[in-house]
C-alpha atoms as a PDB file:
ATOM      1  CA  MET A   1       2.190 215.606 -17.051  1.00  0.00           C
ATOM      2  CA  ARG A   2      -0.337 217.915 -18.877  1.00  0.00           C
ATOM      3  CA  TYR A   3      -1.052 221.528 -18.556  1.00  0.00           C
ATOM      4  CA  THR A   4      -4.407 221.968 -18.278  1.00  0.00           C
ATOM      5  CA  SER A   5      -4.576 225.692 -17.101  1.00  0.00           C
ATOM      6  CA  VAL A   6      -1.971 228.512 -17.706  1.00  0.00           C
ATOM      7  CA  LEU A   7      -1.559 231.501 -15.583  1.00  0.00           C
ATOM      8  CA  SER A   8      -1.643 234.458 -17.980  1.00  0.00           C
ATOM      9  CA  ASP A   9      -1.229 238.405 -17.720  1.00  0.00           C
ATOM     10  CA  GLY A  10      -3.918 238.850 -20.406  1.00  0.00           C
ATOM     11  CA  ASP A  11      -2.356 238.087 -23.370  1.00  0.00           C
ATOM     12  CA  ALA A  12      -4.658 236.102 -25.221  1.00  0.00           C
ATOM     13  CA  THR A  13      -2.158 234.713 -28.195  1.00  0.00           C
ATOM     14  CA  THR A  14      -0.224 232.836 -25.825  1.00  0.00           C
ATOM     15  CA  ILE A  15      -3.047 230.585 -25.007  1.00  0.00           C
ATOM     16  CA  ALA A  16      -4.415 230.460 -28.428  1.00  0.00           C
ATOM     17  CA  HIS A  17      -1.728 228.765 -30.116  1.00  0.00           C
ATOM     18  CA  PRO A  18      -1.404 225.379 -28.212  1.00  0.00           C
ATOM     19  CA  ASN A  19      -5.175 225.276 -28.449  1.00  0.00           C
ATOM     20  CA  GLU A  20      -5.157 225.556 -32.265  1.00  0.00           C
ATOM     21  CA  ILE A  21      -2.779 222.836 -32.612  1.00  0.00           C
ATOM     22  CA  LYS A  22      -4.535 220.762 -30.349  1.00  0.00           C
ATOM     23  CA  THR A  23      -1.339 219.892 -28.247  1.00  0.00           C
ATOM     24  CA  TYR A  24      -3.001 217.308 -26.068  1.00  0.00           C
ATOM     25  CA  GLY A  25      -5.804 216.177 -28.817  1.00  0.00           C
ATOM     26  CA  ASP A  26      -9.023 216.902 -29.632  1.00  0.00           C
ATOM     27  CA  ASP A  27     -10.626 216.090 -26.017  1.00  0.00           C
ATOM     28  CA  MET A  28      -8.306 218.393 -23.792  1.00  0.00           C
ATOM     29  CA  ILE A  29      -8.436 222.372 -23.983  1.00  0.00           C
ATOM     30  CA  ILE A  30      -6.015 224.298 -21.909  1.00  0.00           C
ATOM     31  CA  ILE A  31      -7.747 227.064 -19.795  1.00  0.00           C
ATOM     32  CA  LYS A  32      -6.281 230.608 -19.371  1.00  0.00           C
ATOM     33  CA  GLU A  33      -6.223 231.774 -15.559  1.00  0.00           C
ATOM     34  CA  GLU A  34      -6.094 235.536 -15.172  1.00  0.00           C
ATOM     35  CA  CYS A  35      -3.524 236.913 -12.452  1.00  0.00           C
ATOM     36  CA  VAL A  36      -5.337 238.765  -9.955  1.00  0.00           C
ATOM     37  CA  ASN A  37      -2.705 241.502  -9.825  1.00  0.00           C
ATOM     38  CA  HIS A  38      -2.908 242.030 -13.648  1.00  0.00           C
ATOM     39  CA  VAL A  39      -6.514 242.377 -13.360  1.00  0.00           C
ATOM     40  CA  GLY A  40      -6.355 244.940 -10.394  1.00  0.00           C
ATOM     41  CA  LYS A  41      -3.964 246.836 -12.344  1.00  0.00           C
ATOM     42  CA  ARG A  42      -6.048 246.966 -15.528  1.00  0.00           C
ATOM     43  CA  LEU A  43      -9.159 247.834 -13.474  1.00  0.00           C
ATOM     44  CA  GLY A  44      -7.489 250.573 -11.669  1.00  0.00           C
ATOM     45  CA  THR A  45      -6.046 251.901 -14.921  1.00  0.00           C
ATOM     46  CA  ALA A  46      -9.558 251.886 -16.539  1.00  0.00           C
ATOM     47  CA  LEU A  47     -11.270 253.303 -13.296  1.00  0.00           C
ATOM     48  CA  ARG A  48      -8.748 256.573 -13.326  1.00  0.00           C
ATOM     49  CA  ASN A  49      -8.995 257.094 -17.179  1.00  0.00           C
ATOM     50  CA  LEU A  50     -12.961 257.036 -16.362  1.00  0.00           C
ATOM     51  CA  VAL A  51     -12.720 259.496 -13.854  1.00  0.00           C
ATOM     52  CA  LYS A  52     -10.323 261.734 -15.955  1.00  0.00           C
ATOM     53  CA  GLU A  53     -12.566 261.588 -19.119  1.00  0.00           C
ATOM     54  CA  GLU A  54     -16.067 262.388 -17.192  1.00  0.00           C
ATOM     55  CA  LYS A  55     -14.228 265.281 -15.608  1.00  0.00           C
ATOM     56  CA  ALA A  56     -13.449 266.652 -19.198  1.00  0.00           C
ATOM     57  CA  ARG A  57     -16.951 266.301 -19.868  1.00  0.00           C
ATOM     58  CA  GLY A  58     -17.888 268.335 -16.758  1.00  0.00           C
ATOM     59  CA  VAL A  59     -19.489 265.124 -14.637  1.00  0.00           C
ATOM     60  CA  THR A  60     -18.150 264.752 -11.201  1.00  0.00           C
ATOM     61  CA  LEU A  61     -17.590 261.182  -9.943  1.00  0.00           C
ATOM     62  CA  GLU A  62     -15.602 262.262  -6.883  1.00  0.00           C
ATOM     63  CA  GLY A  63     -16.598 263.690  -3.614  1.00  0.00           C
ATOM     64  CA  LYS A  64     -16.840 263.434  -0.179  1.00  0.00           C
ATOM     65  CA  LYS A  65     -19.747 261.127   0.041  1.00  0.00           C
ATOM     66  CA  ALA A  66     -19.355 257.121   0.513  1.00  0.00           C
ATOM     67  CA  GLY A  67     -18.573 255.442  -2.495  1.00  0.00           C
ATOM     68  CA  ALA A  68     -17.185 258.527  -4.274  1.00  0.00           C
ATOM     69  CA  LEU A  69     -14.620 257.309  -6.969  1.00  0.00           C
ATOM     70  CA  LYS A  70     -11.401 258.816  -5.910  1.00  0.00           C
ATOM     71  CA  ASP A  71      -7.567 258.008  -6.541  1.00  0.00           C
ATOM     72  CA  THR A  72      -7.335 257.006  -2.840  1.00  0.00           C
ATOM     73  CA  ALA A  73     -10.340 254.598  -3.173  1.00  0.00           C
ATOM     74  CA  ILE A  74      -9.056 253.185  -6.613  1.00  0.00           C
ATOM     75  CA  GLY A  75      -5.673 252.865  -5.260  1.00  0.00           C
ATOM     76  CA  ILE A  76      -6.772 250.843  -2.014  1.00  0.00           C
ATOM     77  CA  HIS A  77      -8.944 248.442  -4.037  1.00  0.00           C
ATOM     78  CA  CYS A  78      -6.935 248.247  -7.245  1.00  0.00           C
ATOM     79  CA  PRO A  79      -3.172 249.076  -6.267  1.00  0.00           C
ATOM     80  CA  PRO A  80      -0.834 249.762  -8.985  1.00  0.00           C
ATOM     81  CA  THR A  81       1.803 246.944  -9.501  1.00  0.00           C
ATOM     82  CA  GLU A  82       5.277 247.421 -10.988  1.00  0.00           C
END
């Protein structure tokens, strides 16, 4: 049995080592798959930080219009996971 892909949480060092030592030979490379929940969590955090930084600069990204970048919209599309 060979592991051709590994489900990861974004830590690149976990997958780098087996590929460096060529665990399955020169022809086989192990591929890293990202966990969807972890990607959503990182995206939500990045969007919340963007809103906070822009608000400090005086730029408003929130509002009542469709497509406004509010915490509720971020929470719906990128729910925080524990």
